[in-house]
């Protein structure tokens, strides 16, 4: 396995994680806002 192969795999892994992270963030957003409101009161 060459350095180019590992770099390609790392980049493809990151590209796959970006939309997944966005979906998780959107799903957790109401929960985060709710917790923030509880602590702000």
C-alpha atoms as a PDB file:
ATOM      1  CA  UNK A   1       0.000   0.000   0.000  1.00  0.00           C
ATOM      2  CA  UNK A   2       1.482   3.337  -1.043  1.00  0.00           C
ATOM      3  CA  UNK A   3       1.162   6.737   0.609  1.00  0.00           C
ATOM      4  CA  UNK A   4      -1.135   7.836  -2.226  1.00  0.00           C
ATOM      5  CA  UNK A   5      -3.508   4.958  -1.480  1.00  0.00           C
ATOM      6  CA  UNK A   6      -3.799   5.847   2.205  1.00  0.00           C
ATOM      7  CA  UNK A   7      -4.308   9.529   1.353  1.00  0.00           C
ATOM      8  CA  UNK A   8      -7.094   8.655  -1.084  1.00  0.00           C
ATOM      9  CA  UNK A   9      -8.820   6.447   1.483  1.00  0.00           C
ATOM     10  CA  UNK A  10      -8.555   9.135   4.162  1.00  0.00           C
ATOM     11  CA  UNK A  11     -10.078  11.762   1.849  1.00  0.00           C
ATOM     12  CA  UNK A  12     -12.935   9.489   0.783  1.00  0.00           C
ATOM     13  CA  UNK A  13     -13.579   8.713   4.454  1.00  0.00           C
ATOM     14  CA  UNK A  14     -13.730  12.412   5.323  1.00  0.00           C
ATOM     15  CA  UNK A  15     -16.045  13.154   2.382  1.00  0.00           C
ATOM     16  CA  UNK A  16     -18.347  10.387   3.642  1.00  0.00           C
ATOM     17  CA  UNK A  17     -18.273  11.755   7.212  1.00  0.00           C
ATOM     18  CA  UNK A  18     -19.139  15.365   6.284  1.00  0.00           C
ATOM     19  CA  UNK A  19     -22.804  14.748   5.266  1.00  0.00           C
ATOM     20  CA  UNK A  20     -23.162  12.279   8.141  1.00  0.00           C
ATOM     21  CA  UNK A  21     -21.949  14.929  10.604  1.00  0.00           C
ATOM     22  CA  UNK A  22     -24.371  17.477   9.105  1.00  0.00           C
ATOM     23  CA  UNK A  23     -27.315  15.082   9.492  1.00  0.00           C
ATOM     24  CA  UNK A  24     -26.339  14.306  13.087  1.00  0.00           C
ATOM     25  CA  UNK A  25     -25.969  18.011  13.864  1.00  0.00           C
ATOM     26  CA  UNK A  26     -29.423  18.779  12.411  1.00  0.00           C
ATOM     27  CA  UNK A  27     -30.970  15.911  14.384  1.00  0.00           C
ATOM     28  CA  UNK A  28     -29.300  17.065  17.617  1.00  0.00           C
ATOM     29  CA  UNK A  29     -30.040  20.770  17.076  1.00  0.00           C
ATOM     30  CA  UNK A  30     -33.463  20.797  18.851  1.00  0.00           C
ATOM     31  CA  UNK A  31     -31.947  18.823  21.733  1.00  0.00           C
ATOM     32  CA  UNK A  32     -29.016  21.250  22.004  1.00  0.00           C
ATOM     33  CA  UNK A  33     -31.387  24.252  21.898  1.00  0.00           C
ATOM     34  CA  UNK A  34     -33.604  22.675  24.551  1.00  0.00           C
ATOM     35  CA  UNK A  35     -30.631  22.050  26.854  1.00  0.00           C
ATOM     36  CA  UNK A  36     -29.382  25.604  26.259  1.00  0.00           C
ATOM     37  CA  UNK A  37     -32.796  27.014  27.201  1.00  0.00           C
ATOM     38  CA  UNK A  38     -32.910  24.929  30.387  1.00  0.00           C
ATOM     39  CA  UNK A  39     -29.467  26.134  31.478  1.00  0.00           C
ATOM     40  CA  UNK A  40     -30.185  29.757  30.517  1.00  0.00           C
ATOM     41  CA  UNK A  41     -33.204  29.974  32.842  1.00  0.00           C
END
